[in-house]
Amino acid sequence: MKIIRFLVIISFFYSCNNIEKSEKKLVFNTKPAETFIEIMEHLFQNEMNIQSDSLTDSLNFSNNEKDLILNEKLEKLFSFPIYESLSNIMIAHKNGVKLQNKEAYKAGFYDLPNLNVDMSSGVNQQWKEWRKKGNFKKSFEFINNIKQQQLNISNNSKDKIKHLLPKNKTMDKNVEVSFCFDGNRGSYTTDSIIVMDMLDFKNYNITNFTNVLAHELHHIVYGDWINYNYDKSTMSEKQKTFLSYQKRILMEGIAQQINYLDYKKEIKDLYFNNELMLELSDDWFNSLREINSSQNPTEYYNSFKNTMWNNGFDKLKKYYKGKIDDSAFERRPIIDYYISYYLYFAINKNGGKERLDYVINHPESLLNEYNVLRKKENLIPLIPDDIKKIWENNLVKSRKKPAENTSYN
């Protein structure tokens, strides 16, 4: 009996240990965002000191560059991998001189509250606006609130993606959530890191934050599933280009089912604007055909992506009914967001959860299933046979373990 009892205890502890090992976590790193707030508070205090100096006839902020405390804080900021990455893509111009990387990023801080430095995406203008609204305290309190609710936020984010993943797919690695203030790229993922740009959360709403976090978490988990199941090693350049394009449609289309309801009404109206969706559908079909016929598919696709983002602003100005602010600009009409969301929305609405699950597990069938389920009121027209063939063939050829079939019926 003693031996049996001992074996039961050992088995129990072994099981507990395995459960602990299998539990994957979202690890919150708020230090980069908190350091940004410290820097902005320091600059604000400098500004107040200068303004209160009766001997100062005009504001002169050129001494920021010589401020030892500020430079110490900036070095701390750039020691975080997220800000090292963000600074590495920064371009700025000051007095006609082009600045790049960390020097460009620093120049924006040194110049505040002026805007004599022209930074990518006008990030220093966004910082100034954020500071002007007195958001030091609000942002700090919001971050503390997130830290206090970290476990609930993590669990809720995981729950939100469960029904939008392939069968038996779970989060199989720890993921770091890195908090920052930037204004250039918004929230995004890289490897096993989710970058949450706190300038995106001006409403200080935990539910909105959780939904965006779940959106980004879905990118990582579903992206891992795609990378595991679709082998790029034997692909031609053209096939790899198609796959990159397809992944954008697959990942954004599903993930937006989580947080679409958080978009402002004017943006939601754009997603269901008939004329706009027909334009985007034509752009999408034409781009796939161009890649298929191109001698330099990667070069064409990279050029097309830039054009798509630029044209998205023109479409925004043409169709948007509200004031064009940062949130509207971020959600300007592009194929990757609008076409992708609508495909999954229509499949779910017309065919229910069963059909939605099917295309999540069989992405090669996405366009065929849309056509099968399409109703006359749906905004994306019937997808032409040549486009369906391009889409399906590229995924079927690269799938490591062939899907059971490529049609639900």
Protein backbone atom coordinates (compact mmCIF):
# COMPACT_ATOMS: atom_id res chain seq x y z
CA MET A 1 0.00 0.00 0.00
CA LYS A 2 2.81 2.39 0.90
CA ILE A 3 4.46 1.80 -2.48
CA ILE A 4 1.17 2.41 -4.31
CA ARG A 5 0.53 5.58 -2.29
CA PHE A 6 4.05 6.78 -3.07
CA LEU A 7 3.56 6.14 -6.80
CA VAL A 8 0.24 8.01 -6.76
CA ILE A 9 1.89 11.02 -5.08
CA ILE A 10 4.78 10.98 -7.55
CA SER A 11 2.33 10.72 -10.44
CA PHE A 12 0.33 13.65 -9.04
CA PHE A 13 3.38 15.90 -8.76
CA TYR A 14 4.58 14.84 -12.20
CA SER A 15 1.19 15.74 -13.67
CA CYS A 16 1.16 19.10 -11.91
CA ASN A 17 4.63 19.81 -13.21
CA ASN A 18 3.58 18.99 -16.77
CA ILE A 19 0.53 21.25 -16.46
CA GLU A 20 2.74 24.06 -15.23
CA LYS A 21 5.14 23.53 -18.11
CA SER A 22 2.33 23.50 -20.65
CA GLU A 23 0.82 26.76 -19.40
CA LYS A 24 1.97 29.53 -21.68
CA LYS A 25 1.78 33.12 -20.54
CA LEU A 26 1.45 36.65 -21.75
CA VAL A 27 4.27 38.54 -20.02
CA PHE A 28 3.62 42.27 -19.70
CA ASN A 29 6.61 44.63 -20.00
CA THR A 30 5.46 48.17 -19.20
CA LYS A 31 8.92 49.66 -18.54
CA PRO A 32 9.43 51.13 -22.04
CA ALA A 33 6.12 53.06 -21.87
CA GLU A 34 6.81 54.22 -18.32
CA THR A 35 10.23 55.50 -19.36
CA PHE A 36 8.64 57.46 -22.22
CA ILE A 37 6.28 59.10 -19.72
CA GLU A 38 9.26 60.01 -17.49
CA ILE A 39 10.97 61.69 -20.46
CA MET A 40 7.88 63.66 -21.40
CA GLU A 41 7.35 64.76 -17.80
CA HIS A 42 10.98 65.91 -17.63
CA LEU A 43 10.65 67.92 -20.84
CA PHE A 44 7.39 69.42 -19.62
CA GLN A 45 9.07 70.50 -16.38
CA ASN A 46 11.91 72.10 -18.37
CA GLU A 47 9.35 74.02 -20.37
CA MET A 48 7.62 75.24 -17.22
CA ASN A 49 10.94 76.35 -15.72
CA ILE A 50 11.81 78.38 -18.81
CA GLN A 51 8.38 79.97 -18.96
CA SER A 52 8.62 80.99 -15.30
CA ASP A 53 12.03 82.63 -15.75
CA SER A 54 11.32 86.37 -15.84
CA LEU A 55 14.70 87.04 -17.48
CA THR A 56 13.78 84.92 -20.50
CA ASP A 57 12.27 87.00 -23.27
CA SER A 58 11.49 84.07 -25.52
CA LEU A 59 11.43 80.31 -25.17
CA ASN A 60 14.62 78.60 -26.17
CA PHE A 61 14.68 74.84 -25.99
CA SER A 62 18.01 74.21 -27.70
CA ASN A 63 19.52 73.32 -24.33
CA ASN A 64 17.54 70.07 -24.26
CA GLU A 65 20.34 68.46 -26.23
CA LYS A 66 22.79 69.31 -23.43
CA ASP A 67 20.47 68.13 -20.65
CA LEU A 68 22.37 65.30 -18.93
CA ILE A 69 19.29 63.94 -17.16
CA LEU A 70 17.30 63.90 -20.41
CA ASN A 71 20.11 62.13 -22.27
CA GLU A 72 20.41 59.57 -19.50
CA LYS A 73 16.69 58.86 -19.76
CA LEU A 74 16.89 58.64 -23.55
CA GLU A 75 19.69 56.09 -23.35
CA LYS A 76 17.53 54.09 -20.97
CA LEU A 77 14.65 54.30 -23.47
CA PHE A 78 16.81 53.03 -26.34
CA SER A 79 18.10 50.16 -24.19
CA PHE A 80 14.68 48.54 -24.56
CA PRO A 81 14.56 46.33 -27.69
CA ILE A 82 11.24 47.83 -28.76
CA TYR A 83 12.60 51.39 -28.87
CA GLU A 84 15.81 50.23 -30.48
CA SER A 85 13.62 48.71 -33.22
CA LEU A 86 11.35 51.75 -33.52
CA SER A 87 14.30 54.14 -33.71
CA ASN A 88 15.96 52.01 -36.39
CA ILE A 89 13.15 52.77 -38.84
CA MET A 90 12.89 56.49 -37.99
CA ILE A 91 13.70 59.16 -40.57
CA ALA A 92 13.58 62.87 -39.79
CA HIS A 93 14.59 66.16 -41.39
CA LYS A 94 15.88 69.19 -39.51
CA ASN A 95 16.88 72.38 -41.30
CA GLY A 96 17.11 70.46 -44.57
CA VAL A 97 19.39 67.80 -43.08
CA LYS A 98 18.26 64.17 -43.14
CA LEU A 99 18.57 62.30 -39.85
CA GLN A 100 18.13 58.55 -39.42
CA ASN A 101 17.65 55.96 -36.72
CA LYS A 102 18.38 56.93 -33.12
CA GLU A 103 19.60 60.43 -34.00
CA ALA A 104 16.33 61.12 -35.79
CA TYR A 105 14.34 59.89 -32.80
CA LYS A 106 16.39 61.93 -30.33
CA ALA A 107 16.02 65.08 -32.43
CA GLY A 108 12.26 64.90 -32.01
CA PHE A 109 12.57 64.85 -28.23
CA TYR A 110 15.19 67.61 -28.13
CA ASP A 111 12.97 69.90 -30.22
CA LEU A 112 9.79 69.56 -28.16
CA PRO A 113 7.51 71.43 -27.67
CA ASN A 114 8.46 72.89 -31.08
CA LEU A 115 7.92 70.95 -34.28
CA ASN A 116 10.94 72.06 -36.28
CA VAL A 117 11.90 68.43 -36.84
CA ASP A 118 9.89 66.61 -39.49
CA MET A 119 9.61 63.00 -38.25
CA SER A 120 8.09 59.95 -39.98
CA SER A 121 4.30 59.85 -39.53
CA GLY A 122 4.54 63.12 -37.59
CA VAL A 123 5.21 61.22 -34.37
CA ASN A 124 6.51 64.30 -32.53
CA GLN A 125 3.29 66.10 -33.41
CA GLN A 126 1.36 63.19 -31.90
CA TRP A 127 3.56 63.34 -28.77
CA LYS A 128 2.90 67.07 -28.45
CA GLU A 129 -0.85 66.59 -28.84
CA TRP A 130 -0.82 63.76 -26.27
CA ARG A 131 1.08 65.97 -23.83
CA LYS A 132 -1.08 69.02 -24.55
CA LYS A 133 -4.14 67.09 -23.38
CA GLY A 134 -2.46 66.39 -20.04
CA ASN A 135 -2.20 62.65 -20.61
CA PHE A 136 0.81 62.00 -18.36
CA LYS A 137 -1.30 61.07 -15.37
CA LYS A 138 -4.11 59.38 -17.32
CA SER A 139 -1.68 57.19 -19.24
CA PHE A 140 0.29 56.25 -16.14
CA GLU A 141 -2.92 55.33 -14.28
CA PHE A 142 -4.16 53.33 -17.27
CA ILE A 143 -0.93 51.33 -17.43
CA ASN A 144 -1.13 50.64 -13.69
CA ASN A 145 -4.74 49.56 -14.13
CA ILE A 146 -3.65 47.14 -16.86
CA LYS A 147 -0.91 45.74 -14.62
CA GLN A 148 -3.37 45.18 -11.79
CA GLN A 149 -5.76 43.37 -14.15
CA GLN A 150 -3.03 41.54 -16.04
CA LEU A 151 -4.28 38.03 -15.26
CA ASN A 152 -7.86 38.80 -16.28
CA ILE A 153 -6.75 40.61 -19.43
CA SER A 154 -4.49 37.70 -20.40
CA ASN A 155 -7.20 35.10 -19.81
CA ASN A 156 -9.82 37.15 -21.66
CA SER A 157 -7.48 37.63 -24.63
CA LYS A 158 -6.82 33.89 -24.84
CA ASP A 159 -10.55 33.15 -24.58
CA LYS A 160 -11.36 35.58 -27.39
CA ILE A 161 -9.12 33.79 -29.90
CA LYS A 162 -10.06 30.19 -29.03
CA HIS A 163 -13.06 29.99 -31.39
CA LEU A 164 -11.08 31.60 -34.22
CA LEU A 165 -8.21 29.10 -34.37
CA PRO A 166 -7.74 25.82 -36.23
CA LYS A 167 -8.82 22.64 -34.50
CA ASN A 168 -6.65 21.74 -31.50
CA LYS A 169 -4.42 24.80 -31.99
CA THR A 170 -3.42 26.53 -28.75
CA MET A 171 -0.92 29.13 -27.64
CA ASP A 172 2.25 27.01 -27.41
CA LYS A 173 4.84 29.58 -26.36
CA ASN A 174 5.21 32.49 -23.97
CA VAL A 175 4.52 35.86 -25.56
CA GLU A 176 5.87 39.20 -24.33
CA VAL A 177 3.57 42.22 -24.46
CA SER A 178 5.82 45.26 -24.79
CA PHE A 179 4.23 48.65 -24.06
CA CYS A 180 5.43 51.81 -25.77
CA PHE A 181 4.39 55.28 -26.96
CA ASP A 182 5.35 55.93 -30.57
CA GLY A 183 2.64 56.80 -33.11
CA ASN A 184 4.37 55.47 -36.23
CA ARG A 185 3.31 51.84 -36.63
CA GLY A 186 0.50 51.33 -34.12
CA SER A 187 0.20 47.99 -32.34
CA TYR A 188 1.82 45.03 -34.12
CA THR A 189 3.61 41.71 -33.65
CA THR A 190 7.16 40.59 -34.25
CA ASP A 191 8.24 37.00 -33.56
CA SER A 192 6.92 36.26 -30.05
CA ILE A 193 6.45 39.90 -29.06
CA ILE A 194 3.26 41.95 -29.18
CA VAL A 195 3.96 45.68 -29.31
CA MET A 196 1.12 47.72 -27.81
CA ASP A 197 1.42 51.40 -28.77
CA MET A 198 -0.38 53.24 -25.98
CA LEU A 199 -1.00 56.24 -28.23
CA ASP A 200 -3.69 54.02 -29.79
CA PHE A 201 -5.71 53.94 -26.56
CA LYS A 202 -6.81 57.51 -25.99
CA ASN A 203 -10.12 56.33 -24.47
CA TYR A 204 -8.32 54.48 -21.65
CA ASN A 205 -10.73 51.56 -22.01
CA ILE A 206 -9.65 48.13 -20.73
CA THR A 207 -12.10 46.27 -22.97
CA ASN A 208 -10.79 48.03 -26.08
CA PHE A 209 -7.21 47.31 -25.00
CA THR A 210 -8.04 43.63 -24.40
CA ASN A 211 -9.64 43.27 -27.84
CA VAL A 212 -6.64 44.78 -29.62
CA LEU A 213 -4.33 42.55 -27.58
CA ALA A 214 -6.42 39.51 -28.57
CA HIS A 215 -6.24 40.62 -32.23
CA GLU A 216 -2.44 40.72 -32.07
CA LEU A 217 -2.25 37.46 -30.10
CA HIS A 218 -4.30 35.77 -32.81
CA HIS A 219 -1.70 36.93 -35.36
CA ILE A 220 1.04 35.14 -33.45
CA VAL A 221 -0.84 31.89 -32.80
CA TYR A 222 -2.48 31.58 -36.23
CA GLY A 223 0.71 32.78 -37.90
CA ASP A 224 2.62 29.95 -36.20
CA TRP A 225 0.02 27.48 -37.48
CA ILE A 226 0.37 28.77 -41.05
CA ASN A 227 4.18 28.67 -40.89
CA TYR A 228 4.06 25.11 -39.57
CA ASN A 229 1.57 23.81 -42.14
CA TYR A 230 2.77 25.63 -45.26
CA ASP A 231 6.32 24.99 -46.39
CA LYS A 232 8.04 27.86 -48.19
CA SER A 233 11.35 26.05 -48.70
CA THR A 234 10.37 24.48 -52.03
CA MET A 235 8.47 27.51 -53.30
CA SER A 236 9.45 29.70 -56.22
CA GLU A 237 9.80 33.45 -55.75
CA LYS A 238 6.33 33.97 -57.21
CA GLN A 239 4.76 31.39 -54.88
CA LYS A 240 6.43 32.98 -51.85
CA THR A 241 5.13 36.39 -52.92
CA PHE A 242 1.62 35.02 -53.22
CA LEU A 243 1.92 33.37 -49.82
CA SER A 244 2.99 36.66 -48.19
CA TYR A 245 -0.05 38.34 -49.69
CA GLN A 246 -2.32 35.46 -48.68
CA LYS A 247 -1.07 35.50 -45.10
CA ARG A 248 -2.05 39.15 -44.77
CA ILE A 249 -5.59 38.36 -45.93
CA LEU A 250 -5.88 35.27 -43.74
CA MET A 251 -4.52 36.80 -40.56
CA GLU A 252 -6.14 40.24 -40.72
CA GLY A 253 -9.44 38.82 -41.90
CA ILE A 254 -9.88 36.50 -38.93
CA ALA A 255 -8.32 38.73 -36.26
CA GLN A 256 -10.60 41.65 -37.12
CA GLN A 257 -13.61 39.52 -36.21
CA ILE A 258 -12.43 40.11 -32.62
CA ASN A 259 -12.21 43.90 -32.51
CA TYR A 260 -14.24 45.21 -35.47
CA LEU A 261 -17.02 46.29 -33.09
CA ASP A 262 -14.58 48.70 -31.43
CA TYR A 263 -14.15 50.71 -34.65
CA LYS A 264 -15.95 54.06 -34.74
CA LYS A 265 -19.24 54.17 -36.64
CA GLU A 266 -17.83 56.11 -39.60
CA ILE A 267 -15.14 53.43 -40.11
CA LYS A 268 -17.70 50.61 -39.85
CA ASP A 269 -19.75 52.37 -42.51
CA LEU A 270 -16.72 52.31 -44.83
CA TYR A 271 -16.42 48.53 -44.48
CA PHE A 272 -19.97 48.24 -45.83
CA ASN A 273 -19.82 50.92 -48.52
CA ASN A 274 -20.85 49.19 -51.76
CA GLU A 275 -18.95 51.45 -54.17
CA LEU A 276 -15.77 51.37 -52.10
CA MET A 277 -15.83 47.59 -51.72
CA LEU A 278 -16.24 47.15 -55.48
CA GLU A 279 -13.20 49.38 -56.02
CA LEU A 280 -11.14 47.40 -53.54
CA SER A 281 -12.28 44.09 -55.06
CA ASP A 282 -11.11 45.22 -58.52
CA ASP A 283 -7.78 46.37 -57.03
CA TRP A 284 -7.38 42.99 -55.35
CA PHE A 285 -8.15 40.92 -58.46
CA ASN A 286 -5.86 43.06 -60.61
CA SER A 287 -2.98 42.86 -58.12
CA LEU A 288 -3.14 39.05 -58.00
CA ARG A 289 -3.15 38.87 -61.79
CA GLU A 290 -0.22 41.27 -62.01
CA ILE A 291 1.83 39.18 -59.57
CA ASN A 292 0.95 36.06 -61.56
CA SER A 293 2.18 37.58 -64.82
CA SER A 294 5.15 39.54 -63.44
CA GLN A 295 8.76 38.63 -64.12
CA ASN A 296 9.68 40.32 -60.80
CA PRO A 297 6.79 39.41 -58.48
CA THR A 298 8.46 40.49 -55.23
CA GLU A 299 9.41 43.88 -56.64
CA TYR A 300 5.88 44.37 -57.98
CA TYR A 301 4.24 43.34 -54.69
CA ASN A 302 6.42 45.67 -52.61
CA SER A 303 5.62 48.54 -54.95
CA PHE A 304 1.93 47.64 -54.90
CA LYS A 305 1.83 47.66 -51.09
CA ASN A 306 3.14 51.23 -51.01
CA THR A 307 0.62 52.26 -53.64
CA MET A 308 -2.17 50.52 -51.75
CA TRP A 309 -1.43 52.44 -48.54
CA ASN A 310 -1.16 55.75 -50.40
CA ASN A 311 -4.34 55.13 -52.38
CA GLY A 312 -6.04 54.20 -49.13
CA PHE A 313 -5.75 57.81 -48.04
CA ASP A 314 -7.34 58.98 -51.30
CA LYS A 315 -10.19 56.52 -50.78
CA LEU A 316 -10.57 57.72 -47.20
CA LYS A 317 -10.96 61.31 -48.36
CA LYS A 318 -13.44 60.21 -51.04
CA TYR A 319 -15.74 58.05 -48.92
CA TYR A 320 -15.24 58.92 -45.26
CA LYS A 321 -18.09 60.89 -43.68
CA GLY A 322 -16.39 62.02 -40.48
CA LYS A 323 -13.38 64.12 -39.54
CA ILE A 324 -10.17 62.47 -40.70
CA ASP A 325 -8.13 61.98 -37.53
CA ASP A 326 -5.39 59.53 -36.54
CA SER A 327 -7.83 56.68 -35.88
CA ALA A 328 -9.44 57.13 -39.30
CA PHE A 329 -6.06 57.36 -41.02
CA GLU A 330 -4.95 54.09 -39.40
CA ARG A 331 -8.08 52.34 -40.74
CA ARG A 332 -8.00 53.83 -44.22
CA PRO A 333 -9.46 51.53 -46.89
CA ILE A 334 -6.96 48.94 -48.06
CA ILE A 335 -7.34 45.38 -49.32
CA ASP A 336 -5.54 43.80 -46.36
CA TYR A 337 -8.15 45.13 -43.90
CA TYR A 338 -11.39 45.57 -45.80
CA ILE A 339 -11.47 42.64 -48.23
CA SER A 340 -10.06 40.27 -45.62
CA TYR A 341 -12.60 41.20 -42.95
CA TYR A 342 -15.55 40.99 -45.30
CA LEU A 343 -14.70 37.52 -46.63
CA TYR A 344 -14.84 35.98 -43.16
CA PHE A 345 -17.77 38.14 -42.07
CA ALA A 346 -19.88 36.97 -45.03
CA ILE A 347 -18.94 33.31 -44.59
CA ASN A 348 -19.84 33.44 -40.91
CA LYS A 349 -23.10 35.29 -41.55
CA ASN A 350 -24.23 33.13 -44.48
CA GLY A 351 -22.88 29.76 -43.40
CA GLY A 352 -22.54 29.99 -39.61
CA LYS A 353 -19.79 28.85 -37.29
CA GLU A 354 -19.36 25.50 -39.03
CA ARG A 355 -18.36 27.09 -42.33
CA LEU A 356 -16.22 29.70 -40.57
CA ASP A 357 -14.33 26.92 -38.76
CA TYR A 358 -13.85 25.12 -42.05
CA VAL A 359 -12.11 28.00 -43.82
CA ILE A 360 -9.99 28.72 -40.75
CA ASN A 361 -8.75 25.11 -40.96
CA HIS A 362 -8.65 25.11 -44.79
CA PRO A 363 -7.49 28.55 -45.94
CA GLU A 364 -7.02 27.22 -49.48
CA SER A 365 -10.85 26.96 -49.64
CA LEU A 366 -11.56 30.53 -48.52
CA LEU A 367 -12.48 32.02 -51.89
CA ASN A 368 -14.42 28.98 -53.07
CA GLU A 369 -16.46 28.94 -49.87
CA TYR A 370 -17.19 32.65 -50.19
CA ASN A 371 -18.58 32.06 -53.69
CA VAL A 372 -20.63 29.03 -52.58
CA LEU A 373 -22.20 30.97 -49.71
CA ARG A 374 -22.40 34.38 -51.40
CA LYS A 375 -25.76 36.18 -51.48
CA LYS A 376 -26.78 38.94 -53.86
CA GLU A 377 -26.47 41.61 -51.16
CA ASN A 378 -22.85 40.71 -50.41
CA LEU A 379 -20.43 43.48 -51.36
CA ILE A 380 -17.52 41.50 -52.81
CA PRO A 381 -18.61 40.20 -56.23
CA LEU A 382 -18.32 36.55 -57.21
CA ILE A 383 -14.62 35.81 -57.28
CA PRO A 384 -13.43 34.99 -60.82
CA ASP A 385 -12.25 31.44 -61.56
CA ASP A 386 -8.69 32.50 -62.39
CA ILE A 387 -8.37 34.27 -59.01
CA LYS A 388 -9.75 31.25 -57.15
CA LYS A 389 -7.29 29.02 -58.99
CA ILE A 390 -4.30 31.24 -58.16
CA TRP A 391 -5.32 31.33 -54.50
CA GLU A 392 -6.10 27.64 -54.08
CA ASN A 393 -3.17 26.23 -56.04
CA ASN A 394 -0.58 28.24 -54.18
CA LEU A 395 -1.74 27.01 -50.77
CA VAL A 396 -2.46 23.42 -51.80
CA LYS A 397 1.03 23.02 -53.29
CA SER A 398 2.76 24.31 -50.20
CA ARG A 399 0.68 22.55 -47.54
CA LYS A 400 2.85 19.99 -45.73
CA LYS A 401 -0.03 17.72 -44.80
CA PRO A 402 -2.67 17.88 -47.53
CA ALA A 403 -6.10 18.98 -46.38
CA GLU A 404 -8.86 16.36 -46.60
CA ASN A 405 -10.47 18.29 -49.46
CA THR A 406 -10.63 21.84 -50.72
CA SER A 407 -14.38 22.21 -50.68
CA TYR A 408 -16.86 21.95 -47.84
CA ASN A 409 -19.40 20.19 -50.06
